[in-house]
Amino acid sequence: MAQVTVTINGRKYEIACDDGQEAHLTRLSQYVDRRVDELVAAVGQVGNARLLVMTSLLVADELSEVYTELDSFRNEKRAPAQSALGASDLEKMATRIESIADKLEAH
């Protein structure tokens, strides 16, 4: 089992992960650190625990939006007679997914 040191809000954390997942975990931690930085800029240093809870909720909200879009897409795919996605709808979804992927892969 591998160990990765990640830094979030200036604090280092030792995290265990499966071998080969170190780079992925590092990218995820960098994303979380950027979100924490955004919160600090908005609300100030309100304590690590509170910042991490707030960041977790923001990330969970983003994930929830993606799941909702995915469910909507799957439901429309199952019942094409009821509603068909237009080209602009697909383009909007693709743009949204790419945006989320870029945020996760940034830096």
PDB file of N, CA and C in Angstrom:
ATOM      1  N   MET A   1       0.844  -1.170   0.000  1.00  0.00           N
ATOM      2  CA  MET A   1       0.000   0.000   0.000  1.00  0.00           C
ATOM      3  C   MET A   1       0.891   1.235   0.000  1.00  0.00           C
ATOM      4  N   ALA A   2       0.556   2.192  -0.843  1.00  0.00           N
ATOM      5  CA  ALA A   2       1.359   3.403  -0.985  1.00  0.00           C
ATOM      6  C   ALA A   2       0.931   4.458   0.023  1.00  0.00           C
ATOM      7  N   GLN A   3       1.808   5.400   0.267  1.00  0.00           N
ATOM      8  CA  GLN A   3       1.536   6.557   1.126  1.00  0.00           C
ATOM      9  C   GLN A   3       1.772   7.814   0.308  1.00  0.00           C
ATOM     10  N   VAL A   4       0.883   8.785   0.460  1.00  0.00           N
ATOM     11  CA  VAL A   4       1.019  10.063  -0.233  1.00  0.00           C
ATOM     12  C   VAL A   4       0.884  11.162   0.810  1.00  0.00           C
ATOM     13  N   THR A   5       1.730  12.164   0.712  1.00  0.00           N
ATOM     14  CA  THR A   5       1.592  13.341   1.562  1.00  0.00           C
ATOM     15  C   THR A   5       0.890  14.405   0.739  1.00  0.00           C
ATOM     16  N   VAL A   6      -0.261  14.848   1.220  1.00  0.00           N
ATOM     17  CA  VAL A   6      -1.011  15.896   0.534  1.00  0.00           C
ATOM     18  C   VAL A   6      -1.054  17.118   1.443  1.00  0.00           C
ATOM     19  N   THR A   7      -1.179  18.279   0.829  1.00  0.00           N
ATOM     20  CA  THR A   7      -1.261  19.521   1.584  1.00  0.00           C
ATOM     21  C   THR A   7      -2.580  20.193   1.277  1.00  0.00           C
ATOM     22  N   ILE A   8      -3.354  20.444   2.318  1.00  0.00           N
ATOM     23  CA  ILE A   8      -4.632  21.126   2.180  1.00  0.00           C
ATOM     24  C   ILE A   8      -4.668  22.234   3.225  1.00  0.00           C
ATOM     25  N   ASN A   9      -4.888  23.446   2.746  1.00  0.00           N
ATOM     26  CA  ASN A   9      -4.938  24.626   3.606  1.00  0.00           C
ATOM     27  C   ASN A   9      -3.659  24.758   4.435  1.00  0.00           C
ATOM     28  N   GLY A  10      -2.531  24.454   3.792  1.00  0.00           N
ATOM     29  CA  GLY A  10      -1.240  24.608   4.446  1.00  0.00           C
ATOM     30  C   GLY A  10      -0.861  23.504   5.406  1.00  0.00           C
ATOM     31  N   ARG A  11      -1.724  22.523   5.563  1.00  0.00           N
ATOM     32  CA  ARG A  11      -1.421  21.408   6.473  1.00  0.00           C
ATOM     33  C   ARG A  11      -1.149  20.146   5.666  1.00  0.00           C
ATOM     34  N   LYS A  12      -0.174  19.392   6.129  1.00  0.00           N
ATOM     35  CA  LYS A  12       0.191  18.142   5.456  1.00  0.00           C
ATOM     36  C   LYS A  12      -0.546  16.972   6.102  1.00  0.00           C
ATOM     37  N   TYR A  13      -0.992  16.069   5.233  1.00  0.00           N
ATOM     38  CA  TYR A  13      -1.694  14.868   5.683  1.00  0.00           C
ATOM     39  C   TYR A  13      -1.077  13.671   4.981  1.00  0.00           C
ATOM     40  N   GLU A  14      -0.803  12.627   5.739  1.00  0.00           N
ATOM     41  CA  GLU A  14      -0.337  11.359   5.173  1.00  0.00           C
ATOM     42  C   GLU A  14      -1.562  10.519   4.855  1.00  0.00           C
ATOM     43  N   ILE A  15      -1.702  10.116   3.598  1.00  0.00           N
ATOM     44  CA  ILE A  15      -2.862   9.347   3.156  1.00  0.00           C
ATOM     45  C   ILE A  15      -2.385   8.050   2.513  1.00  0.00           C
ATOM     46  N   ALA A  16      -2.980   6.956   2.912  1.00  0.00           N
ATOM     47  CA  ALA A  16      -2.679   5.668   2.296  1.00  0.00           C
ATOM     48  C   ALA A  16      -3.572   5.478   1.076  1.00  0.00           C
ATOM     49  N   CYS A  17      -3.026   4.851   0.055  1.00  0.00           N
ATOM     50  CA  CYS A  17      -3.809   4.563  -1.139  1.00  0.00           C
ATOM     51  C   CYS A  17      -3.250   3.311  -1.805  1.00  0.00           C
ATOM     52  N   ASP A  18      -4.023   2.787  -2.751  1.00  0.00           N
ATOM     53  CA  ASP A  18      -3.549   1.624  -3.499  1.00  0.00           C
ATOM     54  C   ASP A  18      -2.335   2.012  -4.334  1.00  0.00           C
ATOM     55  N   ASP A  19      -1.452   1.056  -4.526  1.00  0.00           N
ATOM     56  CA  ASP A  19      -0.292   1.299  -5.378  1.00  0.00           C
ATOM     57  C   ASP A  19      -0.765   1.737  -6.761  1.00  0.00           C
ATOM     58  N   GLY A  20      -0.095   2.746  -7.293  1.00  0.00           N
ATOM     59  CA  GLY A  20      -0.443   3.258  -8.619  1.00  0.00           C
ATOM     60  C   GLY A  20      -1.465   4.381  -8.595  1.00  0.00           C
ATOM     61  N   GLN A  21      -2.050   4.654  -7.420  1.00  0.00           N
ATOM     62  CA  GLN A  21      -3.073   5.698  -7.320  1.00  0.00           C
ATOM     63  C   GLN A  21      -2.519   7.009  -6.749  1.00  0.00           C
ATOM     64  N   GLU A  22      -1.225   7.075  -6.558  1.00  0.00           N
ATOM     65  CA  GLU A  22      -0.625   8.243  -5.928  1.00  0.00           C
ATOM     66  C   GLU A  22      -0.887   9.535  -6.711  1.00  0.00           C
ATOM     67  N   ALA A  23      -0.670   9.510  -8.009  1.00  0.00           N
ATOM     68  CA  ALA A  23      -0.858  10.715  -8.829  1.00  0.00           C
ATOM     69  C   ALA A  23      -2.319  11.152  -8.828  1.00  0.00           C
ATOM     70  N   HIS A  24      -3.208  10.186  -8.907  1.00  0.00           N
ATOM     71  CA  HIS A  24      -4.643  10.502  -8.896  1.00  0.00           C
ATOM     72  C   HIS A  24      -5.037  11.146  -7.566  1.00  0.00           C
ATOM     73  N   LEU A  25      -4.584  10.573  -6.475  1.00  0.00           N
ATOM     74  CA  LEU A  25      -4.884  11.119  -5.158  1.00  0.00           C
ATOM     75  C   LEU A  25      -4.287  12.516  -5.002  1.00  0.00           C
ATOM     76  N   THR A  26      -3.111  12.722  -5.526  1.00  0.00           N
ATOM     77  CA  THR A  26      -2.481  14.040  -5.468  1.00  0.00           C
ATOM     78  C   THR A  26      -3.309  15.066  -6.237  1.00  0.00           C
ATOM     79  N   ARG A  27      -3.788  14.700  -7.436  1.00  0.00           N
ATOM     80  CA  ARG A  27      -4.640  15.622  -8.218  1.00  0.00           C
ATOM     81  C   ARG A  27      -5.925  15.949  -7.469  1.00  0.00           C
ATOM     82  N   LEU A  28      -6.540  14.939  -6.871  1.00  0.00           N
ATOM     83  CA  LEU A  28      -7.766  15.176  -6.102  1.00  0.00           C
ATOM     84  C   LEU A  28      -7.505  16.113  -4.924  1.00  0.00           C
ATOM     85  N   SER A  29      -6.406  15.895  -4.236  1.00  0.00           N
ATOM     86  CA  SER A  29      -6.103  16.747  -3.081  1.00  0.00           C
ATOM     87  C   SER A  29      -5.819  18.180  -3.525  1.00  0.00           C
ATOM     88  N   GLN A  30      -5.209  18.347  -4.683  1.00  0.00           N
ATOM     89  CA  GLN A  30      -4.966  19.696  -5.201  1.00  0.00           C
ATOM     90  C   GLN A  30      -6.287  20.392  -5.525  1.00  0.00           C
ATOM     91  N   TYR A  31      -7.232  19.646  -6.055  1.00  0.00           N
ATOM     92  CA  TYR A  31      -8.554  20.209  -6.328  1.00  0.00           C
ATOM     93  C   TYR A  31      -9.225  20.644  -5.028  1.00  0.00           C
ATOM     94  N   VAL A  32      -9.179  19.777  -4.013  1.00  0.00           N
ATOM     95  CA  VAL A  32      -9.781  20.108  -2.726  1.00  0.00           C
ATOM     96  C   VAL A  32      -9.079  21.332  -2.130  1.00  0.00           C
ATOM     97  N   ASP A  33      -7.764  21.388  -2.227  1.00  0.00           N
ATOM     98  CA  ASP A  33      -7.014  22.524  -1.697  1.00  0.00           C
ATOM     99  C   ASP A  33      -7.425  23.822  -2.393  1.00  0.00           C
ATOM    100  N   ARG A  34      -7.625  23.782  -3.702  1.00  0.00           N
ATOM    101  CA  ARG A  34      -8.073  24.980  -4.425  1.00  0.00           C
ATOM    102  C   ARG A  34      -9.459  25.413  -3.953  1.00  0.00           C
ATOM    103  N   ARG A  35     -10.338  24.445  -3.739  1.00  0.00           N
ATOM    104  CA  ARG A  35     -11.688  24.783  -3.250  1.00  0.00           C
ATOM    105  C   ARG A  35     -11.620  25.377  -1.846  1.00  0.00           C
ATOM    106  N   VAL A  36     -10.751  24.837  -0.991  1.00  0.00           N
ATOM    107  CA  VAL A  36     -10.560  25.396   0.345  1.00  0.00           C
ATOM    108  C   VAL A  36     -10.048  26.834   0.226  1.00  0.00           C
ATOM    109  N   ASP A  37      -9.079  27.059  -0.663  1.00  0.00           N
ATOM    110  CA  ASP A  37      -8.550  28.408  -0.870  1.00  0.00           C
ATOM    111  C   ASP A  37      -9.654  29.380  -1.290  1.00  0.00           C
ATOM    112  N   GLU A  38     -10.559  28.916  -2.160  1.00  0.00           N
ATOM    113  CA  GLU A  38     -11.680  29.761  -2.589  1.00  0.00           C
ATOM    114  C   GLU A  38     -12.566  30.123  -1.392  1.00  0.00           C
ATOM    115  N   LEU A  39     -12.823  29.141  -0.543  1.00  0.00           N
ATOM    116  CA  LEU A  39     -13.626  29.405   0.650  1.00  0.00           C
ATOM    117  C   LEU A  39     -12.924  30.358   1.603  1.00  0.00           C
ATOM    118  N   VAL A  40     -11.634  30.167   1.792  1.00  0.00           N
ATOM    119  CA  VAL A  40     -10.871  31.054   2.674  1.00  0.00           C
ATOM    120  C   VAL A  40     -10.955  32.487   2.149  1.00  0.00           C
ATOM    121  N   ALA A  41     -10.860  32.648   0.838  1.00  0.00           N
ATOM    122  CA  ALA A  41     -10.966  33.983   0.259  1.00  0.00           C
ATOM    123  C   ALA A  41     -12.349  34.580   0.503  1.00  0.00           C
ATOM    124  N   ALA A  42     -13.372  33.738   0.538  1.00  0.00           N
ATOM    125  CA  ALA A  42     -14.743  34.222   0.702  1.00  0.00           C
ATOM    126  C   ALA A  42     -15.131  34.431   2.165  1.00  0.00           C
ATOM    127  N   VAL A  43     -14.736  33.494   3.035  1.00  0.00           N
ATOM    128  CA  VAL A  43     -15.205  33.554   4.423  1.00  0.00           C
ATOM    129  C   VAL A  43     -14.089  33.695   5.446  1.00  0.00           C
ATOM    130  N   GLY A  44     -12.851  33.617   5.015  1.00  0.00           N
ATOM    131  CA  GLY A  44     -11.722  33.709   5.941  1.00  0.00           C
ATOM    132  C   GLY A  44     -11.399  32.364   6.563  1.00  0.00           C
ATOM    133  N   GLN A  45     -10.373  32.369   7.400  1.00  0.00           N
ATOM    134  CA  GLN A  45      -9.969  31.137   8.088  1.00  0.00           C
ATOM    135  C   GLN A  45     -10.944  30.891   9.233  1.00  0.00           C
ATOM    136  N   VAL A  46     -11.794  29.920   9.066  1.00  0.00           N
ATOM    137  CA  VAL A  46     -12.792  29.610  10.093  1.00  0.00           C
ATOM    138  C   VAL A  46     -12.503  28.264  10.757  1.00  0.00           C
ATOM    139  N   GLY A  47     -11.279  27.805  10.622  1.00  0.00           N
ATOM    140  CA  GLY A  47     -10.882  26.524  11.210  1.00  0.00           C
ATOM    141  C   GLY A  47     -10.864  25.429  10.161  1.00  0.00           C
ATOM    142  N   ASN A  48      -9.866  24.561  10.285  1.00  0.00           N
ATOM    143  CA  ASN A  48      -9.709  23.494   9.294  1.00  0.00           C
ATOM    144  C   ASN A  48     -10.917  22.578   9.209  1.00  0.00           C
ATOM    145  N   ALA A  49     -11.441  22.193  10.341  1.00  0.00           N
ATOM    146  CA  ALA A  49     -12.575  21.260  10.320  1.00  0.00           C
ATOM    147  C   ALA A  49     -13.759  21.881   9.579  1.00  0.00           C
ATOM    148  N   ARG A  50     -14.094  23.110   9.901  1.00  0.00           N
ATOM    149  CA  ARG A  50     -15.226  23.762   9.256  1.00  0.00           C
ATOM    150  C   ARG A  50     -14.959  23.969   7.760  1.00  0.00           C
ATOM    151  N   LEU A  51     -13.740  24.378   7.411  1.00  0.00           N
ATOM    152  CA  LEU A  51     -13.409  24.569   5.994  1.00  0.00           C
ATOM    153  C   LEU A  51     -13.520  23.259   5.217  1.00  0.00           C
ATOM    154  N   LEU A  52     -13.051  22.169   5.822  1.00  0.00           N
ATOM    155  CA  LEU A  52     -13.119  20.885   5.134  1.00  0.00           C
ATOM    156  C   LEU A  52     -14.556  20.399   5.002  1.00  0.00           C
ATOM    157  N   VAL A  53     -15.385  20.656   6.009  1.00  0.00           N
ATOM    158  CA  VAL A  53     -16.801  20.291   5.905  1.00  0.00           C
ATOM    159  C   VAL A  53     -17.466  21.113   4.804  1.00  0.00           C
ATOM    160  N   MET A  54     -17.205  22.411   4.788  1.00  0.00           N
ATOM    161  CA  MET A  54     -17.804  23.269   3.766  1.00  0.00           C
ATOM    162  C   MET A  54     -17.337  22.863   2.363  1.00  0.00           C
ATOM    163  N   THR A  55     -16.062  22.565   2.232  1.00  0.00           N
ATOM    164  CA  THR A  55     -15.526  22.127   0.943  1.00  0.00           C
ATOM    165  C   THR A  55     -16.146  20.800   0.525  1.00  0.00           C
ATOM    166  N   SER A  56     -16.277  19.887   1.467  1.00  0.00           N
ATOM    167  CA  SER A  56     -16.906  18.598   1.161  1.00  0.00           C
ATOM    168  C   SER A  56     -18.324  18.799   0.652  1.00  0.00           C
ATOM    169  N   LEU A  57     -19.050  19.704   1.262  1.00  0.00           N
ATOM    170  CA  LEU A  57     -20.424  19.974   0.824  1.00  0.00           C
ATOM    171  C   LEU A  57     -20.444  20.594  -0.581  1.00  0.00           C
ATOM    172  N   LEU A  58     -19.504  21.488  -0.859  1.00  0.00           N
ATOM    173  CA  LEU A  58     -19.441  22.078  -2.200  1.00  0.00           C
ATOM    174  C   LEU A  58     -19.137  21.018  -3.262  1.00  0.00           C
ATOM    175  N   VAL A  59     -18.180  20.158  -2.973  1.00  0.00           N
ATOM    176  CA  VAL A  59     -17.822  19.097  -3.921  1.00  0.00           C
ATOM    177  C   VAL A  59     -18.976  18.107  -4.072  1.00  0.00           C
ATOM    178  N   ALA A  60     -19.641  17.772  -2.962  1.00  0.00           N
ATOM    179  CA  ALA A  60     -20.798  16.873  -3.025  1.00  0.00           C
ATOM    180  C   ALA A  60     -21.913  17.500  -3.861  1.00  0.00           C
ATOM    181  N   ASP A  61     -22.089  18.814  -3.754  1.00  0.00           N
ATOM    182  CA  ASP A  61     -23.097  19.508  -4.554  1.00  0.00           C
ATOM    183  C   ASP A  61     -22.762  19.414  -6.039  1.00  0.00           C
ATOM    184  N   GLU A  62     -21.495  19.613  -6.383  1.00  0.00           N
ATOM    185  CA  GLU A  62     -21.075  19.479  -7.783  1.00  0.00           C
ATOM    186  C   GLU A  62     -21.356  18.067  -8.291  1.00  0.00           C
ATOM    187  N   LEU A  63     -21.014  17.088  -7.487  1.00  0.00           N
ATOM    188  CA  LEU A  63     -21.229  15.697  -7.864  1.00  0.00           C
ATOM    189  C   LEU A  63     -22.718  15.401  -8.010  1.00  0.00           C
ATOM    190  N   SER A  64     -23.516  15.940  -7.116  1.00  0.00           N
ATOM    191  CA  SER A  64     -24.956  15.755  -7.187  1.00  0.00           C
ATOM    192  C   SER A  64     -25.524  16.315  -8.491  1.00  0.00           C
ATOM    193  N   GLU A  65     -25.046  17.484  -8.894  1.00  0.00           N
ATOM    194  CA  GLU A  65     -25.494  18.082 -10.153  1.00  0.00           C
ATOM    195  C   GLU A  65     -25.162  17.179 -11.333  1.00  0.00           C
ATOM    196  N   VAL A  66     -23.980  16.613 -11.319  1.00  0.00           N
ATOM    197  CA  VAL A  66     -23.564  15.725 -12.415  1.00  0.00           C
ATOM    198  C   VAL A  66     -24.426  14.463 -12.425  1.00  0.00           C
ATOM    199  N   TYR A  67     -24.679  13.890 -11.240  1.00  0.00           N
ATOM    200  CA  TYR A  67     -25.538  12.708 -11.174  1.00  0.00           C
ATOM    201  C   TYR A  67     -26.949  13.017 -11.655  1.00  0.00           C
ATOM    202  N   THR A  68     -27.466  14.188 -11.301  1.00  0.00           N
ATOM    203  CA  THR A  68     -28.797  14.585 -11.753  1.00  0.00           C
ATOM    204  C   THR A  68     -28.831  14.691 -13.271  1.00  0.00           C
ATOM    205  N   GLU A  69     -27.806  15.323 -13.855  1.00  0.00           N
ATOM    206  CA  GLU A  69     -27.728  15.430 -15.308  1.00  0.00           C
ATOM    207  C   GLU A  69     -27.616  14.048 -15.953  1.00  0.00           C
ATOM    208  N   LEU A  70     -26.812  13.189 -15.353  1.00  0.00           N
ATOM    209  CA  LEU A  70     -26.635  11.840 -15.890  1.00  0.00           C
ATOM    210  C   LEU A  70     -27.938  11.056 -15.817  1.00  0.00           C
ATOM    211  N   ASP A  71     -28.639  11.135 -14.674  1.00  0.00           N
ATOM    212  CA  ASP A  71     -29.928  10.453 -14.538  1.00  0.00           C
ATOM    213  C   ASP A  71     -30.932  10.976 -15.557  1.00  0.00           C
ATOM    214  N   SER A  72     -30.946  12.272 -15.740  1.00  0.00           N
ATOM    215  CA  SER A  72     -31.853  12.879 -16.707  1.00  0.00           C
ATOM    216  C   SER A  72     -31.545  12.359 -18.107  1.00  0.00           C
ATOM    217  N   PHE A  73     -30.270  12.311 -18.436  1.00  0.00           N
ATOM    218  CA  PHE A  73     -29.851  11.801 -19.737  1.00  0.00           C
ATOM    219  C   PHE A  73     -30.249  10.340 -19.905  1.00  0.00           C
ATOM    220  N   ARG A  74     -30.018   9.538 -18.877  1.00  0.00           N
ATOM    221  CA  ARG A  74     -30.371   8.116 -18.948  1.00  0.00           C
ATOM    222  C   ARG A  74     -31.877   7.932 -19.093  1.00  0.00           C
ATOM    223  N   ASN A  75     -32.674   8.705 -18.339  1.00  0.00           N
ATOM    224  CA  ASN A  75     -34.129   8.608 -18.426  1.00  0.00           C
ATOM    225  C   ASN A  75     -34.624   8.996 -19.810  1.00  0.00           C
ATOM    226  N   GLU A  76     -34.053  10.026 -20.385  1.00  0.00           N
ATOM    227  CA  GLU A  76     -34.466  10.441 -21.723  1.00  0.00           C
ATOM    228  C   GLU A  76     -34.031   9.418 -22.763  1.00  0.00           C
ATOM    229  N   LYS A  77     -32.927   8.769 -22.508  1.00  0.00           N
ATOM    230  CA  LYS A  77     -32.437   7.740 -23.437  1.00  0.00           C
ATOM    231  C   LYS A  77     -33.365   6.525 -23.410  1.00  0.00           C
ATOM    232  N   ARG A  78     -33.910   6.210 -22.214  1.00  0.00           N
ATOM    233  CA  ARG A  78     -34.825   5.071 -22.084  1.00  0.00           C
ATOM    234  C   ARG A  78     -36.177   5.349 -22.726  1.00  0.00           C
ATOM    235  N   ALA A  79     -36.613   6.585 -22.685  1.00  0.00           N
ATOM    236  CA  ALA A  79     -37.928   6.949 -23.215  1.00  0.00           C
ATOM    237  C   ALA A  79     -37.779   8.005 -24.305  1.00  0.00           C
ATOM    238  N   PRO A  80     -37.182   7.628 -25.441  1.00  0.00           N
ATOM    239  CA  PRO A  80     -36.933   8.621 -26.490  1.00  0.00           C
ATOM    240  C   PRO A  80     -38.213   9.191 -27.094  1.00  0.00           C
ATOM    241  N   ALA A  81     -39.318   8.476 -27.023  1.00  0.00           N
ATOM    242  CA  ALA A  81     -40.557   8.978 -27.599  1.00  0.00           C
ATOM    243  C   ALA A  81     -41.091  10.162 -26.800  1.00  0.00           C
ATOM    244  N   GLN A  82     -40.798  10.194 -25.503  1.00  0.00           N
ATOM    245  CA  GLN A  82     -41.287  11.280 -24.670  1.00  0.00           C
ATOM    246  C   GLN A  82     -40.500  12.566 -24.889  1.00  0.00           C
ATOM    247  N   SER A  83     -39.208  12.450 -25.035  1.00  0.00           N
ATOM    248  CA  SER A  83     -38.378  13.644 -25.175  1.00  0.00           C
ATOM    249  C   SER A  83     -37.033  13.243 -25.757  1.00  0.00           C
ATOM    250  N   ALA A  84     -36.598  13.984 -26.718  1.00  0.00           N
ATOM    251  CA  ALA A  84     -35.300  13.719 -27.329  1.00  0.00           C
ATOM    252  C   ALA A  84     -34.382  14.903 -27.051  1.00  0.00           C
ATOM    253  N   LEU A  85     -33.117  14.612 -26.776  1.00  0.00           N
ATOM    254  CA  LEU A  85     -32.156  15.678 -26.551  1.00  0.00           C
ATOM    255  C   LEU A  85     -31.769  16.291 -27.889  1.00  0.00           C
ATOM    256  N   GLY A  86     -31.772  17.593 -27.909  1.00  0.00           N
ATOM    257  CA  GLY A  86     -31.329  18.289 -29.102  1.00  0.00           C
ATOM    258  C   GLY A  86     -29.832  18.456 -29.083  1.00  0.00           C
ATOM    259  N   ALA A  87     -29.290  18.902 -30.194  1.00  0.00           N
ATOM    260  CA  ALA A  87     -27.847  19.099 -30.294  1.00  0.00           C
ATOM    261  C   ALA A  87     -27.359  20.104 -29.259  1.00  0.00           C
ATOM    262  N   SER A  88     -28.135  21.157 -29.032  1.00  0.00           N
ATOM    263  CA  SER A  88     -27.701  22.171 -28.060  1.00  0.00           C
ATOM    264  C   SER A  88     -27.700  21.603 -26.641  1.00  0.00           C
ATOM    265  N   ASP A  89     -28.656  20.711 -26.331  1.00  0.00           N
ATOM    266  CA  ASP A  89     -28.690  20.074 -25.015  1.00  0.00           C
ATOM    267  C   ASP A  89     -27.449  19.213 -24.802  1.00  0.00           C
ATOM    268  N   LEU A  90     -27.107  18.435 -25.811  1.00  0.00           N
ATOM    269  CA  LEU A  90     -25.922  17.578 -25.711  1.00  0.00           C
ATOM    270  C   LEU A  90     -24.662  18.416 -25.578  1.00  0.00           C
ATOM    271  N   GLU A  91     -24.611  19.512 -26.308  1.00  0.00           N
ATOM    272  CA  GLU A  91     -23.441  20.375 -26.236  1.00  0.00           C
ATOM    273  C   GLU A  91     -23.311  21.002 -24.853  1.00  0.00           C
ATOM    274  N   LYS A  92     -24.437  21.416 -24.258  1.00  0.00           N
ATOM    275  CA  LYS A  92     -24.413  21.976 -22.911  1.00  0.00           C
ATOM    276  C   LYS A  92     -23.922  20.943 -21.899  1.00  0.00           C
ATOM    277  N   MET A  93     -24.406  19.718 -22.021  1.00  0.00           N
ATOM    278  CA  MET A  93     -23.987  18.665 -21.095  1.00  0.00           C
ATOM    279  C   MET A  93     -22.507  18.363 -21.266  1.00  0.00           C
ATOM    280  N   ALA A  94     -22.060  18.292 -22.519  1.00  0.00           N
ATOM    281  CA  ALA A  94     -20.649  18.010 -22.780  1.00  0.00           C
ATOM    282  C   ALA A  94     -19.770  19.113 -22.209  1.00  0.00           C
ATOM    283  N   THR A  95     -20.200  20.354 -22.377  1.00  0.00           N
ATOM    284  CA  THR A  95     -19.446  21.489 -21.843  1.00  0.00           C
ATOM    285  C   THR A  95     -19.382  21.421 -20.332  1.00  0.00           C
ATOM    286  N   ARG A  96     -20.492  21.092 -19.691  1.00  0.00           N
ATOM    287  CA  ARG A  96     -20.539  20.991 -18.225  1.00  0.00           C
ATOM    288  C   ARG A  96     -19.618  19.876 -17.735  1.00  0.00           C
ATOM    289  N   ILE A  97     -19.672  18.723 -18.385  1.00  0.00           N
ATOM    290  CA  ILE A  97     -18.829  17.590 -17.994  1.00  0.00           C
ATOM    291  C   ILE A  97     -17.360  17.927 -18.193  1.00  0.00           C
ATOM    292  N   GLU A  98     -17.030  18.577 -19.312  1.00  0.00           N
ATOM    293  CA  GLU A  98     -15.647  18.973 -19.567  1.00  0.00           C
ATOM    294  C   GLU A  98     -15.167  19.981 -18.528  1.00  0.00           C
ATOM    295  N   SER A  99     -16.044  20.884 -18.131  1.00  0.00           N
ATOM    296  CA  SER A  99     -15.694  21.879 -17.120  1.00  0.00           C
ATOM    297  C   SER A  99     -15.355  21.202 -15.795  1.00  0.00           C
ATOM    298  N   ILE A 100     -16.166  20.244 -15.408  1.00  0.00           N
ATOM    299  CA  ILE A 100     -15.918  19.531 -14.149  1.00  0.00           C
ATOM    300  C   ILE A 100     -14.632  18.719 -14.252  1.00  0.00           C
ATOM    301  N   ALA A 101     -14.434  18.076 -15.400  1.00  0.00           N
ATOM    302  CA  ALA A 101     -13.209  17.296 -15.599  1.00  0.00           C
ATOM    303  C   ALA A 101     -11.978  18.205 -15.549  1.00  0.00           C
ATOM    304  N   ASP A 102     -12.076  19.397 -16.167  1.00  0.00           N
ATOM    305  CA  ASP A 102     -10.955  20.348 -16.147  1.00  0.00           C
ATOM    306  C   ASP A 102     -10.650  20.780 -14.729  1.00  0.00           C
ATOM    307  N   LYS A 103     -11.684  21.015 -13.926  1.00  0.00           N
ATOM    308  CA  LYS A 103     -11.459  21.412 -12.537  1.00  0.00           C
ATOM    309  C   LYS A 103     -10.740  20.300 -11.770  1.00  0.00           C
ATOM    310  N   LEU A 104     -11.126  19.063 -12.035  1.00  0.00           N
ATOM    311  CA  LEU A 104     -10.494  17.939 -11.345  1.00  0.00           C
ATOM    312  C   LEU A 104      -9.060  17.716 -11.784  1.00  0.00           C
ATOM    313  N   GLU A 105      -8.763  18.018 -13.057  1.00  0.00           N
ATOM    314  CA  GLU A 105      -7.442  17.752 -13.593  1.00  0.00           C
ATOM    315  C   GLU A 105      -6.528  18.976 -13.591  1.00  0.00           C
ATOM    316  N   ALA A 106      -7.062  20.142 -13.232  1.00  0.00           N
ATOM    317  CA  ALA A 106      -6.283  21.367 -13.287  1.00  0.00           C
ATOM    318  C   ALA A 106      -5.050  21.259 -12.389  1.00  0.00           C
ATOM    319  N   HIS A 107      -4.048  21.895 -12.854  1.00  0.00           N
ATOM    320  CA  HIS A 107      -2.734  21.982 -12.219  1.00  0.00           C
ATOM    321  C   HIS A 107      -2.048  20.671 -12.259  1.00  0.00           C
TER     322      HIS A 107
END
